[in-house]
């Protein structure tokens, strides 16, 4: 029963870890600008995340190490510190975007500007399945499923190639979230997983991440139907709500706002804890969600400072939408730093024994990371130069 419950929790975790402001905005922008053409990016991002989450849980269950513990032990502290700086900076930007997403959702519901919500929301994050409405909304708009299926194969548009590449890499960055790996492996250690959990871990990875990918695809399809025929671009948070208001004229705005509120809240909690895990495990501090703050004071201090600090730029009116797109693209660009050492760990017989990666897992993840990195290197400069 406990293992079945954890599969359910894995699906819920995917809402906060997969479907959040980054996935929603990048999917909405893709659908509005290019119709179904970028469904393939969500598909391969979901596939890669399934493999990475499964590996994270398997590493914890077999080696009794979190990713951070094993990385520091295997590669040494100097290398770990380089990864720490890069991952924490990018994750911090994502956290700003998530807290901003909560504030923007509350702004839609109340009319009060999002900067006023920054501090209250950050305090709320310190103290989370309505998002399925995106799927219902997409179905209500009556998509042509055969046309949608063609978007699962990469095609290049006739114009806006730089924007197409930038959105593609942003989708991959939003889908393949390294912080989710750190959060997931830490939770597996806290729950005292062993090799008997390998099957449960695989089910959580496949079902949970597929559920998140389905929701993200639904956002893209809805935007392709409601916005793309009218040439409407998604440059502001409110525009991402238009597909829901088209599907549900009376209460679509409220559904969108509440869905984003729940998704961004879950993501903000996971990101702040993942950053705290990274510091605590890397520096050898006590860490656990289950301990009283007095017994892991430094762990608690890190996530408190991180959450409150993320609210500061928002108080001064920094646009969460711009932060979201930048942070998603940077996530894709820095994926090799996070994933390549992890692949070495997953093939190390000392840590994994007979449960080492096979060639399929290594090949799938390596190819997708290479695609993400090349897209980032090519498209980010072009998008910046082109404004």
Protein backbone atom coordinates (compact mmCIF):
# COMPACT_ATOMS: atom_id res chain seq x y z
CA UNK A 1 0.00 0.00 0.00
CA UNK A 2 2.84 2.37 0.85
CA UNK A 3 4.44 1.81 -2.55
CA UNK A 4 1.13 2.36 -4.38
CA UNK A 5 0.68 5.62 -2.47
CA UNK A 6 4.14 6.74 -3.56
CA UNK A 7 3.21 6.20 -7.23
CA UNK A 8 0.25 8.55 -6.68
CA UNK A 9 2.48 11.06 -4.94
CA UNK A 10 4.91 10.83 -7.86
CA UNK A 11 2.14 11.94 -10.24
CA UNK A 12 1.25 14.84 -7.95
CA UNK A 13 4.95 15.74 -7.65
CA UNK A 14 5.14 15.99 -11.44
CA UNK A 15 2.63 18.84 -11.36
CA UNK A 16 5.02 20.94 -9.30
CA UNK A 17 8.17 19.53 -10.86
CA UNK A 18 7.08 19.44 -14.51
CA UNK A 19 4.04 21.65 -15.09
CA UNK A 20 4.82 25.12 -13.76
CA UNK A 21 5.18 28.64 -15.15
CA UNK A 22 8.07 27.62 -17.42
CA UNK A 23 6.24 24.70 -19.03
CA UNK A 24 2.95 26.61 -19.36
CA UNK A 25 4.43 29.78 -20.87
CA UNK A 26 6.83 28.02 -23.24
CA UNK A 27 4.06 25.65 -24.40
CA UNK A 28 1.61 28.53 -24.83
CA UNK A 29 4.17 30.56 -26.79
CA UNK A 30 4.95 27.54 -28.98
CA UNK A 31 1.31 26.85 -29.77
CA UNK A 32 0.51 30.51 -30.42
CA UNK A 33 3.49 31.07 -32.71
CA UNK A 34 3.89 27.72 -34.51
CA UNK A 35 0.71 25.71 -33.99
CA UNK A 36 1.46 22.04 -33.35
CA UNK A 37 5.01 22.19 -34.76
CA UNK A 38 6.78 22.10 -31.40
CA UNK A 39 4.93 19.20 -29.79
CA UNK A 40 8.05 17.13 -30.51
CA UNK A 41 10.08 19.25 -28.06
CA UNK A 42 7.69 18.42 -25.20
CA UNK A 43 7.75 14.75 -26.21
CA UNK A 44 11.54 14.39 -26.13
CA UNK A 45 11.79 16.54 -22.99
CA UNK A 46 9.30 14.26 -21.24
CA UNK A 47 11.14 11.16 -22.47
CA UNK A 48 14.45 12.47 -21.16
CA UNK A 49 12.94 13.43 -17.81
CA UNK A 50 11.44 9.93 -17.41
CA UNK A 51 14.91 8.43 -17.84
CA UNK A 52 16.59 10.96 -15.52
CA UNK A 53 14.03 10.65 -12.73
CA UNK A 54 14.19 6.83 -12.93
CA UNK A 55 17.99 7.02 -12.69
CA UNK A 56 17.83 9.41 -9.72
CA UNK A 57 15.62 7.04 -7.75
CA UNK A 58 17.67 3.99 -8.76
CA UNK A 59 20.89 5.68 -7.63
CA UNK A 60 19.37 6.46 -4.23
CA UNK A 61 17.84 3.00 -3.78
CA UNK A 62 20.97 1.05 -4.77
CA UNK A 63 23.84 3.22 -3.50
CA UNK A 64 22.07 4.89 -0.54
CA UNK A 65 23.50 8.20 -1.84
CA UNK A 66 21.75 11.29 -3.11
CA UNK A 67 23.04 12.68 -6.40
CA UNK A 68 24.87 15.46 -4.58
CA UNK A 69 26.48 13.09 -2.05
CA UNK A 70 27.71 10.80 -4.80
CA UNK A 71 28.91 13.68 -6.99
CA UNK A 72 30.96 15.24 -4.22
CA UNK A 73 32.40 11.86 -3.19
CA UNK A 74 33.17 10.70 -6.74
CA UNK A 75 34.49 13.90 -8.31
CA UNK A 76 35.76 15.86 -5.28
CA UNK A 77 34.67 19.10 -3.70
CA UNK A 78 36.26 21.57 -6.21
CA UNK A 79 34.31 20.06 -9.11
CA UNK A 80 31.17 19.84 -7.00
CA UNK A 81 31.50 23.54 -6.12
CA UNK A 82 31.54 24.52 -9.82
CA UNK A 83 28.34 22.54 -10.37
CA UNK A 84 26.87 24.07 -7.21
CA UNK A 85 27.37 27.64 -8.41
CA UNK A 86 25.92 27.00 -11.87
CA UNK A 87 22.91 24.95 -10.75
CA UNK A 88 21.98 27.18 -7.84
CA UNK A 89 22.11 30.38 -9.94
CA UNK A 90 19.84 28.90 -12.61
CA UNK A 91 17.49 27.31 -10.04
CA UNK A 92 17.28 30.66 -8.22
CA UNK A 93 16.14 32.35 -11.43
CA UNK A 94 13.51 29.64 -11.86
CA UNK A 95 12.36 30.19 -8.27
CA UNK A 96 11.91 33.91 -8.97
CA UNK A 97 9.78 32.97 -11.97
CA UNK A 98 7.66 30.53 -9.92
CA UNK A 99 6.98 33.02 -7.12
CA UNK A 100 6.22 35.58 -9.79
CA UNK A 101 3.80 33.10 -11.38
CA UNK A 102 1.95 32.82 -8.08
CA UNK A 103 1.82 36.61 -7.79
CA UNK A 104 0.57 36.99 -11.37
CA UNK A 105 -2.11 34.36 -10.72
CA UNK A 106 -3.28 36.26 -7.65
CA UNK A 107 -3.22 39.46 -9.69
CA UNK A 108 -5.63 37.86 -12.20
CA UNK A 109 -7.94 36.84 -9.35
CA UNK A 110 -7.84 40.06 -7.31
CA UNK A 111 -6.68 42.88 -9.60
CA UNK A 112 -3.89 43.76 -7.15
CA UNK A 113 -0.49 44.10 -8.86
CA UNK A 114 1.89 41.14 -8.54
CA UNK A 115 4.72 43.06 -6.76
CA UNK A 116 2.40 43.47 -3.76
CA UNK A 117 2.06 39.69 -3.56
CA UNK A 118 5.81 38.91 -3.63
CA UNK A 119 6.47 38.96 0.11
CA UNK A 120 3.17 37.30 1.20
CA UNK A 121 3.66 34.56 -1.40
CA UNK A 122 7.27 33.95 -0.34
CA UNK A 123 6.10 33.60 3.26
CA UNK A 124 3.37 31.20 2.13
CA UNK A 125 5.96 29.10 0.32
CA UNK A 126 7.84 28.83 3.58
CA UNK A 127 4.81 27.32 5.43
CA UNK A 128 -0.43 22.08 -3.31
CA UNK A 129 -5.10 18.25 -9.42
CA UNK A 130 -6.95 21.19 -10.77
CA UNK A 131 -4.29 21.50 -13.51
CA UNK A 132 -6.01 18.68 -15.36
CA UNK A 133 -8.40 21.40 -16.54
CA UNK A 134 -5.78 22.19 -19.23
CA UNK A 135 -6.48 18.77 -20.77
CA UNK A 136 -10.23 19.31 -20.57
CA UNK A 137 -9.83 22.76 -22.16
CA UNK A 138 -7.79 21.36 -25.06
CA UNK A 139 -10.41 18.68 -25.73
CA UNK A 140 -13.28 21.19 -25.58
CA UNK A 141 -11.60 23.21 -28.36
CA UNK A 142 -11.92 20.12 -30.65
CA UNK A 143 -8.41 19.69 -32.06
CA UNK A 144 -7.69 17.76 -35.24
CA UNK A 145 -5.74 14.94 -33.64
CA UNK A 146 -4.14 13.79 -36.89
CA UNK A 147 -2.74 17.29 -37.45
CA UNK A 148 -1.58 17.40 -33.85
CA UNK A 149 0.24 14.08 -34.33
CA UNK A 150 2.35 15.61 -37.10
CA UNK A 151 3.77 18.01 -34.51
CA UNK A 152 5.43 15.09 -32.74
CA UNK A 153 8.02 15.03 -35.53
CA UNK A 154 10.45 17.98 -35.85
CA UNK A 155 9.74 20.35 -38.74
CA UNK A 156 11.32 23.72 -39.50
CA UNK A 157 9.04 26.74 -40.12
CA UNK A 158 9.48 28.92 -43.19
CA UNK A 159 10.21 32.03 -41.10
CA UNK A 160 11.05 33.01 -37.49
CA UNK A 161 13.65 30.24 -37.35
CA UNK A 162 15.56 31.88 -34.47
CA UNK A 163 12.38 32.26 -32.40
CA UNK A 164 11.42 28.68 -33.21
CA UNK A 165 14.80 27.45 -31.96
CA UNK A 166 14.66 29.63 -28.86
CA UNK A 167 11.20 28.39 -27.88
CA UNK A 168 12.25 24.79 -28.59
CA UNK A 169 15.25 25.08 -26.29
CA UNK A 170 13.12 26.85 -23.67
CA UNK A 171 10.62 23.97 -23.77
CA UNK A 172 13.45 21.48 -23.27
CA UNK A 173 14.80 23.58 -20.40
CA UNK A 174 11.34 23.71 -18.82
CA UNK A 175 10.88 19.95 -19.24
CA UNK A 176 14.31 18.67 -18.18
CA UNK A 177 14.61 20.27 -14.74
CA UNK A 178 17.78 19.18 -12.86
CA UNK A 179 16.36 20.45 -9.56
CA UNK A 180 13.68 17.75 -9.78
CA UNK A 181 16.41 15.07 -9.85
CA UNK A 182 18.01 16.45 -6.68
CA UNK A 183 14.64 16.76 -4.95
CA UNK A 184 13.58 13.25 -6.00
CA UNK A 185 16.79 11.46 -4.95
CA UNK A 186 16.76 13.26 -1.59
CA UNK A 187 13.17 12.17 -0.99
CA UNK A 188 14.11 8.57 -1.81
CA UNK A 189 16.86 8.64 0.82
CA UNK A 190 14.50 10.20 3.38
CA UNK A 191 11.98 7.42 2.71
CA UNK A 192 14.75 4.81 3.10
CA UNK A 193 14.39 3.23 -0.33
CA UNK A 194 16.27 0.03 -1.10
CA UNK A 195 16.55 -2.25 -4.14
CA UNK A 196 12.98 -3.47 -3.60
CA UNK A 197 11.80 -0.01 -4.72
CA UNK A 198 13.37 -0.18 -8.18
CA UNK A 199 10.08 -1.27 -9.78
CA UNK A 200 8.08 1.37 -7.89
CA UNK A 201 10.65 3.97 -8.88
CA UNK A 202 10.25 3.06 -12.55
CA UNK A 203 6.45 3.33 -12.29
CA UNK A 204 6.70 6.75 -10.60
CA UNK A 205 9.07 8.03 -13.29
CA UNK A 206 6.95 6.80 -16.22
CA UNK A 207 3.48 7.64 -14.87
CA UNK A 208 4.39 10.85 -13.07
CA UNK A 209 6.45 12.49 -15.78
CA UNK A 210 4.09 11.30 -18.55
CA UNK A 211 1.24 12.97 -16.68
CA UNK A 212 3.18 16.25 -16.54
CA UNK A 213 4.09 15.99 -20.22
CA UNK A 214 0.44 15.36 -21.15
CA UNK A 215 -0.61 18.53 -19.34
CA UNK A 216 2.09 20.55 -21.07
CA UNK A 217 1.04 19.20 -24.49
CA UNK A 218 -2.56 20.15 -23.68
CA UNK A 219 -1.47 23.76 -23.07
CA UNK A 220 0.31 23.85 -26.45
CA UNK A 221 -2.67 22.32 -28.31
CA UNK A 222 -5.11 24.75 -26.68
CA UNK A 223 -2.90 27.71 -27.62
CA UNK A 224 -2.51 26.40 -31.17
CA UNK A 225 -6.31 26.31 -31.55
CA UNK A 226 -7.24 29.52 -29.74
CA UNK A 227 -4.33 31.85 -30.58
CA UNK A 228 -2.36 30.69 -33.61
CA UNK A 229 -5.17 31.23 -36.20
CA UNK A 230 -5.52 34.85 -35.01
CA UNK A 231 -1.79 35.62 -34.95
CA UNK A 232 -1.82 36.28 -31.19
CA UNK A 233 1.57 35.93 -29.51
CA UNK A 234 2.05 35.14 -25.81
CA UNK A 235 4.22 37.96 -24.49
CA UNK A 236 2.32 38.53 -21.23
CA UNK A 237 1.07 36.20 -18.53
CA UNK A 238 -2.58 37.14 -19.12
CA UNK A 239 -2.34 36.09 -22.79
CA UNK A 240 -1.47 32.54 -21.70
CA UNK A 241 -4.94 32.40 -20.10
CA UNK A 242 -6.75 33.10 -23.40
CA UNK A 243 -6.97 29.42 -24.50
CA UNK A 244 -8.73 28.59 -21.21
CA UNK A 245 -11.15 31.50 -21.57
CA UNK A 246 -11.91 30.28 -25.10
CA UNK A 247 -12.66 26.78 -23.82
CA UNK A 248 -14.49 27.94 -20.68
CA UNK A 249 -15.89 31.46 -21.37
CA UNK A 250 -17.42 31.96 -17.91
CA UNK A 251 -14.81 30.53 -15.59
CA UNK A 252 -11.72 29.88 -17.73
CA UNK A 253 -9.76 32.79 -16.26
CA UNK A 254 -10.35 31.57 -12.73
CA UNK A 255 -9.43 28.00 -13.69
CA UNK A 256 -6.19 29.17 -15.28
CA UNK A 257 -5.27 31.37 -12.32
CA UNK A 258 -5.97 28.70 -9.71
CA UNK A 259 -4.19 26.01 -11.78
CA UNK A 260 -1.11 28.19 -12.07
CA UNK A 261 -1.32 29.09 -8.39
CA UNK A 262 -1.22 25.40 -7.41
CA UNK A 263 1.46 24.42 -9.98
CA UNK A 264 3.78 27.35 -9.22
CA UNK A 265 3.38 26.87 -5.48
CA UNK A 266 4.40 23.21 -5.78
CA UNK A 267 7.36 24.10 -8.01
CA UNK A 268 8.51 26.89 -5.67
CA UNK A 269 8.52 24.49 -2.71
CA UNK A 270 10.44 21.84 -4.66
CA UNK A 271 13.02 24.29 -6.04
CA UNK A 272 13.73 25.95 -2.68
CA UNK A 273 14.13 22.56 -0.99
CA UNK A 274 16.32 21.27 -3.86
CA UNK A 275 18.67 24.24 -3.45
CA UNK A 276 18.81 23.65 0.31
CA UNK A 277 19.52 19.95 -0.30
CA UNK A 278 22.32 20.90 -2.67
CA UNK A 279 24.04 23.07 -0.06
CA UNK A 280 23.44 20.78 2.92
CA UNK A 281 24.53 17.57 1.20
CA UNK A 282 27.48 19.24 -0.50
CA UNK A 283 28.83 20.78 2.71
CA UNK A 284 27.97 17.85 4.98
CA UNK A 285 25.23 19.52 7.04
CA UNK A 286 22.23 17.86 8.64
CA UNK A 287 19.31 17.89 6.24
CA UNK A 288 15.76 16.59 6.19
CA UNK A 289 12.23 17.88 5.83
CA UNK A 290 11.33 15.62 8.74
CA UNK A 291 13.72 17.14 11.28
CA UNK A 292 12.84 20.11 13.43
CA UNK A 293 14.47 23.34 12.14
CA UNK A 294 16.63 23.52 15.30
CA UNK A 295 18.24 20.19 14.36
CA UNK A 296 19.10 21.22 10.80
CA UNK A 297 19.35 24.96 11.23
CA UNK A 298 21.67 25.60 8.28
CA UNK A 299 19.44 23.60 5.92
CA UNK A 300 16.39 25.59 7.10
CA UNK A 301 18.31 28.87 6.87
CA UNK A 302 19.25 28.24 3.24
CA UNK A 303 15.72 27.69 1.97
CA UNK A 304 14.43 30.60 4.07
CA UNK A 305 17.02 33.00 2.61
CA UNK A 306 16.54 31.65 -0.92
CA UNK A 307 12.76 32.08 -0.86
CA UNK A 308 12.82 35.57 0.61
CA UNK A 309 15.62 36.65 -1.74
CA UNK A 310 13.65 35.45 -4.75
CA UNK A 311 10.85 37.83 -3.76
CA UNK A 312 13.09 40.92 -3.87
CA UNK A 313 13.33 41.37 -7.68
CA UNK A 314 9.58 40.90 -7.94
CA UNK A 315 8.91 43.64 -5.40
CA UNK A 316 10.69 46.03 -7.77
CA UNK A 317 8.56 44.93 -10.73
CA UNK A 318 10.86 42.51 -12.58
CA UNK A 319 8.75 40.77 -15.23
CA UNK A 320 8.33 37.07 -14.29
CA UNK A 321 7.59 36.19 -17.93
CA UNK A 322 10.98 37.46 -19.10
CA UNK A 323 12.72 35.77 -16.18
CA UNK A 324 10.91 32.55 -17.09
CA UNK A 325 12.06 32.51 -20.71
CA UNK A 326 15.65 33.42 -19.80
CA UNK A 327 15.85 30.85 -17.02
CA UNK A 328 14.38 28.07 -19.17
CA UNK A 329 16.87 28.72 -21.98
CA UNK A 330 19.77 28.87 -19.49
CA UNK A 331 18.61 25.61 -17.94
CA UNK A 332 18.93 23.91 -21.34
CA UNK A 333 22.32 25.52 -21.96
CA UNK A 334 23.70 24.27 -18.63
CA UNK A 335 22.26 20.75 -18.82
CA UNK A 336 25.65 19.15 -19.67
CA UNK A 337 27.08 20.49 -16.39
CA UNK A 338 24.35 18.76 -14.40
CA UNK A 339 23.74 15.62 -16.43
CA UNK A 340 27.15 14.45 -17.72
CA UNK A 341 28.62 13.81 -14.21
CA UNK A 342 25.36 12.09 -13.30
CA UNK A 343 25.73 9.70 -16.25
CA UNK A 344 29.22 8.80 -15.02
CA UNK A 345 27.75 7.96 -11.62
CA UNK A 346 25.02 5.82 -13.16
CA UNK A 347 27.70 3.74 -14.94
CA UNK A 348 30.02 3.42 -11.94
CA UNK A 349 30.06 -0.20 -10.64
CA UNK A 350 31.08 0.98 -7.17
CA UNK A 351 27.82 2.88 -6.75
CA UNK A 352 25.43 0.94 -8.96
CA UNK A 353 26.74 -2.64 -9.09
CA UNK A 354 24.53 -4.79 -11.34
CA UNK A 355 22.02 -1.93 -11.64
CA UNK A 356 24.28 0.22 -13.84
CA UNK A 357 22.81 1.98 -16.86
CA UNK A 358 22.36 0.10 -20.09
CA UNK A 359 23.22 1.49 -23.50
CA UNK A 360 19.63 2.56 -24.17
CA UNK A 361 19.42 4.85 -21.11
CA UNK A 362 22.86 6.34 -21.78
CA UNK A 363 22.18 6.91 -25.47
CA UNK A 364 18.74 8.50 -25.04
CA UNK A 365 19.88 10.96 -22.39
CA UNK A 366 23.18 11.79 -24.14
CA UNK A 367 21.46 12.50 -27.48
CA UNK A 368 18.79 14.71 -25.92
CA UNK A 369 21.33 16.66 -23.86
CA UNK A 370 23.41 17.19 -27.01
CA UNK A 371 20.33 18.45 -28.90
CA UNK A 372 19.45 20.81 -26.04
CA UNK A 373 22.98 22.21 -25.83
CA UNK A 374 23.32 22.74 -29.59
CA UNK A 375 19.92 24.43 -29.81
CA UNK A 376 20.84 26.71 -26.91
CA UNK A 377 24.21 27.67 -28.41
CA UNK A 378 22.63 28.46 -31.78
CA UNK A 379 19.28 29.98 -30.87
CA UNK A 380 19.94 32.05 -27.73
CA UNK A 381 22.44 34.46 -29.42
CA UNK A 382 20.17 34.74 -32.48
CA UNK A 383 17.13 35.53 -30.33
CA UNK A 384 19.08 38.15 -28.34
CA UNK A 385 20.48 39.78 -31.48
CA UNK A 386 17.06 39.73 -33.10
CA UNK A 387 15.41 41.29 -30.04
